[in-house]
Amino acid sequence: MTTMARETTPRTPEAPRDTDVRRHELAAFLRSRRERIAPEQVGLPRGRRRRTPGLRREEVAQLSAVGVTWYTWLEQARDIQVSVQVLDALARALLLDPSERAHLFRLAGAADPTPATICPSVTPAMRALLEQVEPFPACLQNSRYDILAHNRTYGLLLCDLDTVPPEDRNCMLLSYTHAEWQSSIVHLEETQRLMAARFRATMAGHLTEPAWKMLLDRLHKESPAFRTAWDRHEVVSHRSKRKEFRNRHVGRVTVDHADLWLTPGTGPRIVTYVPADGQSRERLERLQEIAVGRAAAKV
């Protein structure tokens, strides 16, 4: 009996999956960013026996508050889940600029929960509008209190906002954690309580979104005052009210707060502060002059 040899078709190597490619790109990116940072840049001693260019893995793990083994697995392209909170911590520890941060989140297949430096919804026309209402302070905020854009007067009203990192330009964070911003609010405790109540009411529609949960976790960690206000479970709707600020350049100003909503719901809005009296208007005009002078000096 003759045995016929069966024809065999050569197997085509499987193409690498998209997730595998992303993991290896992420690992390489993390290594490259780690190796470019000198220990002195992040407040660590160099030591005499350092052979690793830049930071060691355990130093990145320490700076970002994650386990050394877990971070090592990331650089080894292991198949592990990465939360947006960890990605945010790594971006801060590795001193990533906005483009690098966006690249990190894209490689990890996650949405960056912090506001971008350049927001697609902030058009040149919107920025021009904010400038046109000066000397009235005005800014563009989303429903999470992120400050997406502001005019020059608003930028000096409660602090020098240009010195605040873009990812920290959030009115909730600033009201509960930024000393100069807090000192500029005359009725701070009442303001904080109302903001927490409005934040709780608005967050009801965003309970599962990572950006909201991340902001809530950060407020809990960094502010005992917020924890106290949050535990009251108070809710209030957005409404206009009179506010008083103590500005370090021009003194006390009284303004009427008004929201100009850009969508039917409680989403993005233009926040404006209209002077409530002649003296406040004069002081805001002076503040605008200071802001314009500062802007011209930077050019």
Protein backbone atom coordinates (compact mmCIF):
# COMPACT_ATOMS: atom_id res chain seq x y z
CA MET A 1 0.00 0.00 0.00
CA THR A 2 1.32 3.40 -0.95
CA THR A 3 0.90 6.11 1.58
CA MET A 4 0.18 9.48 0.04
CA ALA A 5 1.91 12.34 1.75
CA ARG A 6 -0.51 15.02 2.78
CA GLU A 7 0.11 18.46 1.44
CA THR A 8 0.70 21.00 4.15
CA THR A 9 0.29 24.72 3.81
CA PRO A 10 2.92 26.80 5.61
CA ARG A 11 1.39 28.63 8.55
CA THR A 12 1.40 32.37 8.28
CA PRO A 13 2.81 33.99 11.41
CA GLU A 14 0.09 35.74 13.35
CA ALA A 15 0.17 39.48 13.11
CA PRO A 16 0.81 41.16 16.44
CA ARG A 17 -2.34 42.39 18.10
CA ASP A 18 -2.89 46.12 18.49
CA THR A 19 -2.84 45.80 22.27
CA ASP A 20 0.52 43.99 22.17
CA VAL A 21 2.03 46.71 20.00
CA ARG A 22 0.66 49.39 22.33
CA ARG A 23 2.10 47.67 25.42
CA HIS A 24 5.58 47.48 23.90
CA GLU A 25 5.41 51.08 22.71
CA LEU A 26 4.27 52.13 26.19
CA ALA A 27 7.14 50.21 27.80
CA ALA A 28 9.71 51.81 25.51
CA PHE A 29 8.23 55.27 26.04
CA LEU A 30 8.32 54.93 29.84
CA ARG A 31 11.94 53.76 29.75
CA SER A 32 12.99 56.64 27.52
CA ARG A 33 11.28 59.24 29.71
CA ARG A 34 12.72 57.73 32.90
CA GLU A 35 16.26 57.69 31.53
CA ARG A 36 16.24 61.36 30.53
CA ILE A 37 15.44 62.72 34.04
CA ALA A 38 18.33 63.54 36.34
CA PRO A 39 17.70 62.68 40.02
CA GLU A 40 18.28 66.31 40.96
CA GLN A 41 15.31 67.38 38.82
CA VAL A 42 12.92 65.56 41.16
CA GLY A 43 14.73 66.26 44.43
CA LEU A 44 16.61 62.95 44.73
CA PRO A 45 20.34 62.59 45.52
CA ARG A 46 22.53 61.29 42.70
CA GLY A 47 24.81 59.14 44.88
CA ARG A 48 28.20 57.74 43.89
CA ARG A 49 27.27 54.32 42.53
CA ARG A 50 24.56 55.31 40.07
CA ARG A 51 25.00 53.43 36.81
CA THR A 52 21.50 53.83 35.43
CA PRO A 53 21.05 56.84 33.15
CA GLY A 54 18.37 59.05 34.66
CA LEU A 55 16.09 57.60 37.32
CA ARG A 56 15.92 54.04 38.57
CA ARG A 57 12.69 52.07 38.28
CA GLU A 58 12.23 52.03 42.03
CA GLU A 59 12.58 55.82 42.12
CA VAL A 60 9.83 56.29 39.53
CA ALA A 61 7.67 53.86 41.52
CA GLN A 62 8.32 55.85 44.70
CA LEU A 63 7.57 59.21 43.07
CA SER A 64 4.31 57.95 41.57
CA ALA A 65 3.27 55.89 44.64
CA VAL A 66 3.01 52.55 42.80
CA GLY A 67 4.68 49.22 43.54
CA VAL A 68 8.17 48.60 42.14
CA THR A 69 7.16 45.18 40.76
CA TRP A 70 4.08 46.61 39.14
CA TYR A 71 6.03 49.43 37.48
CA THR A 72 8.69 46.95 36.33
CA TRP A 73 5.96 44.88 34.67
CA LEU A 74 4.84 48.01 32.84
CA GLU A 75 8.34 48.53 31.41
CA GLN A 76 8.43 44.82 30.51
CA ALA A 77 5.22 45.20 28.48
CA ARG A 78 3.32 42.76 30.68
CA ASP A 79 -0.42 42.43 30.08
CA ILE A 80 -1.68 44.40 33.09
CA GLN A 81 -4.43 46.95 33.58
CA VAL A 82 -3.44 50.57 34.15
CA SER A 83 -5.85 53.01 35.78
CA VAL A 84 -6.10 56.68 34.80
CA GLN A 85 -5.02 57.60 38.33
CA VAL A 86 -1.75 55.69 37.90
CA LEU A 87 -1.17 57.16 34.45
CA ASP A 88 -1.68 60.64 35.89
CA ALA A 89 0.80 59.91 38.69
CA LEU A 90 3.38 58.58 36.19
CA ALA A 91 2.94 61.63 33.96
CA ARG A 92 3.67 63.90 36.93
CA ALA A 93 6.60 61.80 38.19
CA LEU A 94 8.21 61.72 34.73
CA LEU A 95 7.69 65.47 34.18
CA LEU A 96 5.80 64.92 30.93
CA ASP A 97 4.80 67.95 28.90
CA PRO A 98 1.24 68.14 27.48
CA SER A 99 2.15 66.36 24.22
CA GLU A 100 3.99 63.57 26.04
CA ARG A 101 1.15 63.20 28.52
CA ALA A 102 -1.38 62.85 25.69
CA HIS A 103 0.89 60.25 24.04
CA LEU A 104 1.11 58.26 27.30
CA PHE A 105 -2.68 58.07 27.62
CA ARG A 106 -3.11 57.14 23.95
CA LEU A 107 -0.62 54.27 24.27
CA ALA A 108 -2.43 53.04 27.37
CA GLY A 109 -5.78 53.25 25.55
CA ALA A 110 -7.21 55.55 28.22
CA ALA A 111 -8.89 58.96 28.22
CA ASP A 112 -6.92 61.70 29.96
CA PRO A 113 -9.18 62.95 32.79
CA THR A 114 -7.50 66.32 33.15
CA PRO A 115 -8.28 69.33 30.96
CA ALA A 116 -5.96 69.80 28.02
CA THR A 117 -3.90 72.95 27.69
CA ILE A 118 -5.62 73.57 24.36
CA CYS A 119 -9.26 72.55 24.40
CA PRO A 120 -10.97 72.02 21.01
CA SER A 121 -14.08 73.82 22.29
CA VAL A 122 -12.10 76.99 23.04
CA THR A 123 -12.20 78.68 19.65
CA PRO A 124 -10.43 81.94 18.72
CA ALA A 125 -13.86 83.57 18.69
CA MET A 126 -14.50 82.39 22.25
CA ARG A 127 -11.17 83.80 23.42
CA ALA A 128 -11.94 87.10 21.68
CA LEU A 129 -15.28 87.24 23.48
CA LEU A 130 -13.61 86.73 26.85
CA GLU A 131 -11.26 89.62 26.11
CA GLN A 132 -14.09 91.88 24.94
CA VAL A 133 -15.93 91.74 28.27
CA GLU A 134 -12.93 93.16 30.15
CA PRO A 135 -12.55 94.78 32.61
CA PHE A 136 -15.13 92.26 33.80
CA PRO A 137 -13.32 89.07 34.86
CA ALA A 138 -14.55 86.09 32.82
CA CYS A 139 -13.56 82.50 32.14
CA LEU A 140 -14.80 79.42 30.31
CA GLN A 141 -15.52 76.45 32.60
CA ASN A 142 -16.89 72.98 32.05
CA SER A 143 -19.31 71.26 34.43
CA ARG A 144 -16.38 69.86 36.46
CA TYR A 145 -15.11 73.40 37.27
CA ASP A 146 -12.05 73.06 35.01
CA ILE A 147 -10.95 76.50 33.82
CA LEU A 148 -10.51 76.00 30.06
CA ALA A 149 -9.79 79.64 29.17
CA HIS A 150 -9.85 83.03 30.91
CA ASN A 151 -9.30 86.69 30.20
CA ARG A 152 -6.45 88.71 31.68
CA THR A 153 -8.50 90.30 34.47
CA TYR A 154 -9.74 86.93 35.69
CA GLY A 155 -6.17 85.65 35.53
CA LEU A 156 -5.15 88.06 38.32
CA LEU A 157 -8.39 88.19 40.32
CA LEU A 158 -7.82 85.40 42.86
CA CYS A 159 -4.21 84.48 42.13
CA ASP A 160 -1.74 84.62 39.25
CA LEU A 161 -3.52 81.88 37.31
CA ASP A 162 -0.79 81.67 34.66
CA THR A 163 1.57 80.23 37.30
CA VAL A 164 -0.85 77.37 38.04
CA PRO A 165 -0.22 74.20 35.96
CA PRO A 166 -3.05 73.68 33.43
CA GLU A 167 -4.04 70.35 35.02
CA ASP A 168 -4.56 72.14 38.37
CA ARG A 169 -6.73 74.97 36.99
CA ASN A 170 -9.91 73.71 38.57
CA CYS A 171 -12.03 75.94 40.81
CA MET A 172 -12.80 73.10 43.25
CA LEU A 173 -9.11 72.28 43.69
CA LEU A 174 -8.08 75.91 43.93
CA SER A 175 -10.81 76.76 46.46
CA TYR A 176 -9.81 73.86 48.72
CA THR A 177 -6.05 73.56 48.25
CA HIS A 178 -4.52 76.81 46.90
CA ALA A 179 -3.57 79.24 49.70
CA GLU A 180 -3.62 82.49 47.69
CA TRP A 181 -6.89 81.60 45.93
CA GLN A 182 -8.45 80.87 49.32
CA SER A 183 -7.19 84.10 50.89
CA SER A 184 -8.83 86.07 48.06
CA ILE A 185 -12.33 84.77 48.87
CA VAL A 186 -13.92 86.90 51.60
CA HIS A 187 -16.53 84.34 52.66
CA LEU A 188 -14.39 81.24 52.13
CA GLU A 189 -16.20 78.68 54.28
CA GLU A 190 -19.61 79.49 52.79
CA THR A 191 -18.17 79.44 49.27
CA GLN A 192 -16.50 76.08 49.80
CA ARG A 193 -19.68 74.57 51.19
CA LEU A 194 -21.81 75.78 48.27
CA MET A 195 -19.26 74.60 45.71
CA ALA A 196 -19.17 71.11 47.26
CA ALA A 197 -22.98 70.99 47.19
CA ARG A 198 -23.11 72.08 43.53
CA PHE A 199 -20.36 69.62 42.64
CA ARG A 200 -22.30 66.76 44.25
CA ALA A 201 -25.49 67.73 42.41
CA THR A 202 -23.72 67.90 39.04
CA MET A 203 -21.67 64.75 39.61
CA ALA A 204 -24.85 62.68 39.87
CA GLY A 205 -24.82 62.56 36.07
CA HIS A 206 -21.13 61.57 35.87
CA LEU A 207 -20.68 59.01 38.66
CA THR A 208 -18.83 56.43 36.57
CA GLU A 209 -16.59 58.80 34.61
CA PRO A 210 -12.88 58.49 35.51
CA ALA A 211 -12.18 62.23 35.37
CA TRP A 212 -14.86 62.99 37.95
CA LYS A 213 -13.83 60.13 40.23
CA MET A 214 -10.20 61.18 40.01
CA LEU A 215 -10.99 64.78 40.96
CA LEU A 216 -13.16 63.58 43.87
CA ASP A 217 -10.38 61.28 45.13
CA ARG A 218 -7.83 64.08 44.94
CA LEU A 219 -10.05 66.48 46.87
CA HIS A 220 -10.62 63.84 49.56
CA LYS A 221 -6.88 63.24 49.90
CA GLU A 222 -5.74 66.86 49.89
CA SER A 223 -8.46 68.72 51.81
CA PRO A 224 -9.96 67.93 55.22
CA ALA A 225 -12.34 70.87 54.67
CA PHE A 226 -13.66 69.23 51.52
CA ARG A 227 -14.17 65.90 53.31
CA THR A 228 -16.23 67.69 55.94
CA ALA A 229 -18.35 69.51 53.35
CA TRP A 230 -18.78 66.38 51.22
CA ASP A 231 -19.97 64.30 54.17
CA ARG A 232 -22.93 66.68 54.61
CA HIS A 233 -24.48 65.30 51.39
CA GLU A 234 -25.89 68.72 50.57
CA VAL A 235 -26.97 69.54 47.02
CA VAL A 236 -27.83 72.90 45.46
CA SER A 237 -28.42 73.99 41.88
CA HIS A 238 -26.36 76.61 40.08
CA ARG A 239 -27.51 80.13 40.70
CA SER A 240 -26.14 83.65 40.41
CA LYS A 241 -25.05 85.41 43.58
CA ARG A 242 -23.07 88.37 44.86
CA LYS A 243 -19.43 87.66 45.75
CA GLU A 244 -16.66 89.55 47.49
CA PHE A 245 -12.98 89.13 46.71
CA ARG A 246 -9.87 90.48 48.40
CA ASN A 247 -7.44 91.15 45.56
CA ARG A 248 -3.78 91.69 46.47
CA HIS A 249 -3.28 94.27 43.72
CA VAL A 250 -6.32 96.55 44.03
CA GLY A 251 -8.08 95.62 47.26
CA ARG A 252 -11.63 94.47 47.92
CA VAL A 253 -14.11 94.13 45.05
CA THR A 254 -17.78 93.19 45.08
CA VAL A 255 -19.21 91.49 41.99
CA ASP A 256 -22.36 89.80 40.76
CA HIS A 257 -21.68 86.31 39.45
CA ALA A 258 -23.53 85.30 36.27
CA ASP A 259 -23.26 82.09 34.21
CA LEU A 260 -23.77 82.20 30.43
CA TRP A 261 -24.61 78.60 29.51
CA LEU A 262 -23.34 77.29 26.17
CA THR A 263 -25.55 74.18 26.07
CA PRO A 264 -29.10 73.39 27.27
CA GLY A 265 -27.76 71.39 30.25
CA THR A 266 -25.33 72.28 33.02
CA GLY A 267 -22.28 71.81 30.83
CA PRO A 268 -19.75 74.38 29.61
CA ARG A 269 -20.43 77.98 30.52
CA ILE A 270 -18.88 81.42 30.52
CA VAL A 271 -18.53 82.65 34.10
CA THR A 272 -18.63 86.43 34.43
CA TYR A 273 -18.14 88.76 37.40
CA VAL A 274 -19.89 92.10 36.93
CA PRO A 275 -18.88 94.89 39.36
CA ALA A 276 -21.65 95.61 41.86
CA ASP A 277 -20.67 99.26 42.49
CA GLY A 278 -18.59 102.09 41.11
CA GLN A 279 -15.61 101.51 43.37
CA SER A 280 -15.41 97.85 42.39
CA ARG A 281 -15.56 98.79 38.70
CA GLU A 282 -12.70 101.27 39.13
CA ARG A 283 -10.64 98.63 40.90
CA LEU A 284 -11.32 96.04 38.21
CA GLU A 285 -10.29 98.57 35.55
CA ARG A 286 -7.05 99.08 37.46
CA LEU A 287 -6.58 95.31 37.71
CA GLN A 288 -7.06 95.03 33.95
CA GLU A 289 -4.36 97.65 33.40
CA ILE A 290 -1.98 95.66 35.61
CA ALA A 291 -2.79 92.45 33.74
CA VAL A 292 -2.31 94.10 30.33
CA GLY A 293 1.02 95.53 31.47
CA ARG A 294 2.18 92.11 32.63
CA ALA A 295 1.14 90.50 29.37
CA ALA A 296 3.03 93.14 27.36
CA ALA A 297 6.17 92.62 29.47
CA LYS A 298 6.18 88.90 28.63
CA VAL A 299 6.17 89.52 24.88
